[in-house]
Amino acid sequence: MDHDGMRAWLLAAGDSVRSKVATDVLRSRGLDVVSTASGDLPGVLITRAGQCSLGTIADLSNGGRSRLVVVVVGEPVPDPWELLAAGASDVLQWSTNGVETMHTVAARIHRWFQVDRLARADPVTSRMVGQSPVWMSALRWLVEVARYSDASVLVTGESGTGKELAARLVHALDPQRRKGKFVVVDCTTIVASLSGPELFGHERGAFTGAHIARRGAFGEADGGVLFLDEIGELPPSLQPELLRVLQERAFKAIGSQKWERTDFRLVCATNQDLGALERAGRFRRDLLFRLSAATVRLPSLRERIDDIPLLANHFLGQLVTDPTPTLDPAVERLLLSRAYPGNVRELRQLITQIAIRHVGGPLITAGMLPDEERVAELCPAPRADGLAESVRQALEDGLDLRTLKSTVADLAVSTALTATGGNVIQAAKRLGVTARALQLRRAGSGERTQ
């Protein structure tokens, strides 16, 4: 393994003995160990359960953007999930002499370096754009699953979150499967009585109009990746047939008596809750187990607000060149405030409309936005009479939409922080945003009130 550039920081305040043990093991595994925490490097914190605050974990992990292993000495942490929510990548218990624990830590850091190198290079960065913690968590898991396993992958997420891009990334990163084809089957178009040829292929003369033999998706995907999009729409009558192909790695073309071997990696995508479909009797449990060996959930755009400017500039770079313009601050604020029911797909469509209006100059300015975006209702529709009355009163008092929206957003932030005792991480979770987005909002609010 290439160890060039593999560095990690280690903190074990007041515990020189364990610090030396940990340092010796990490260095023996090819890691350069530094004693100063850095957001650019993975880190190891050796501490006791009562000494590791959530705020410290959030700071050391850079809000979850950087890898951090917390190694607990003595009594176990009563709630390791809180540490994970605060930004830790894992929580381990210090073993009797610590050597075994630190070898485990070293192995994980090695894997993280490999995954992060892949995540920062093509073909990942050209397909999957974002830096928010929730996005990087999903992307790292996708990269790890794609590169270091041959497991079936189930990609879940709302419409427009990039599920097909994720499936194509699995194909691109799999060292064996990328040599084969990437075959797409849209399950929403499958009709149970007519699907045989599409999936299984057929022999010449198998039915009226079958003038030539045709390979189906199972045969075409041999040696590559078969992507079943919207797997929740697969007719129940076809689910046993798919399950048998997955179990036997063989199928018969329509009109053939010969079993044909096939070896493909399966990637499925859905915006539905397959567990709920299974409980309703619309999806086979055994098939669900087969499909979801590794599940990757892609976050919605409202969960990764920090990534909106990055995505917008990425799309501008694809659509406008010589040179690529940047976003005027007013336009960026609007993009950050706007709702995106269609997620990244909707954002790209909006940037496409903006690019069409761009006729030169270094900036994308407010006048380049479509007319409907300038007066769009950017706040969710009121769901309670009291809120509706407050909005009506505010409008009568002369507040415009931008001021009203800003006031409501500031009130929501203040209310969430009060309810959580000032805990930014918990408040952000309640609001459905990242801690970073909440901090930016607070900073902006402070500037307006000064």
Foldseek 3Di string as FASTA:
>chain_A
DDLPPAEEEEEEPPCVQLVVLLCVLLVVLSYHYDHDQDCVHEYEYEEAQVPDDLVNLLVSPVQQLHEYEYEHEDDDNPDCVSSVLSHYPYYHYQDPNNNVVSNVVNVVSVLVVVLVVPCVDPPNCLQQDARDNVQVVLSSLLLCCLAPHLAFEEEEEAAQLRQVSSQVVSQVRHPFQVVADEAEDEQQPDDPVPCQCQAAWAQAPLDPPSNHTDGHQQVRQARHEYEYEAVLSHFPVCQVVVVVCLVVQWDHHRPDPDIDHGDHRYYYYHHDDVVVCVVVVGHPPVSVCRNPPDYRYRYFCLARLVRLQVLLQSLQCVLDPPPRAHEDPVRSVLSSQADCSNGSVSSSVQSNQLSVQDDDDRYSDPVSGPPCSVPPQSDDDDPDPVVVVVVVVVVVVPDDRVRVSLVVVVVLLVVLCVVVVNDLSRSCVVVSYRSVVSVVSVVVVVVVVD
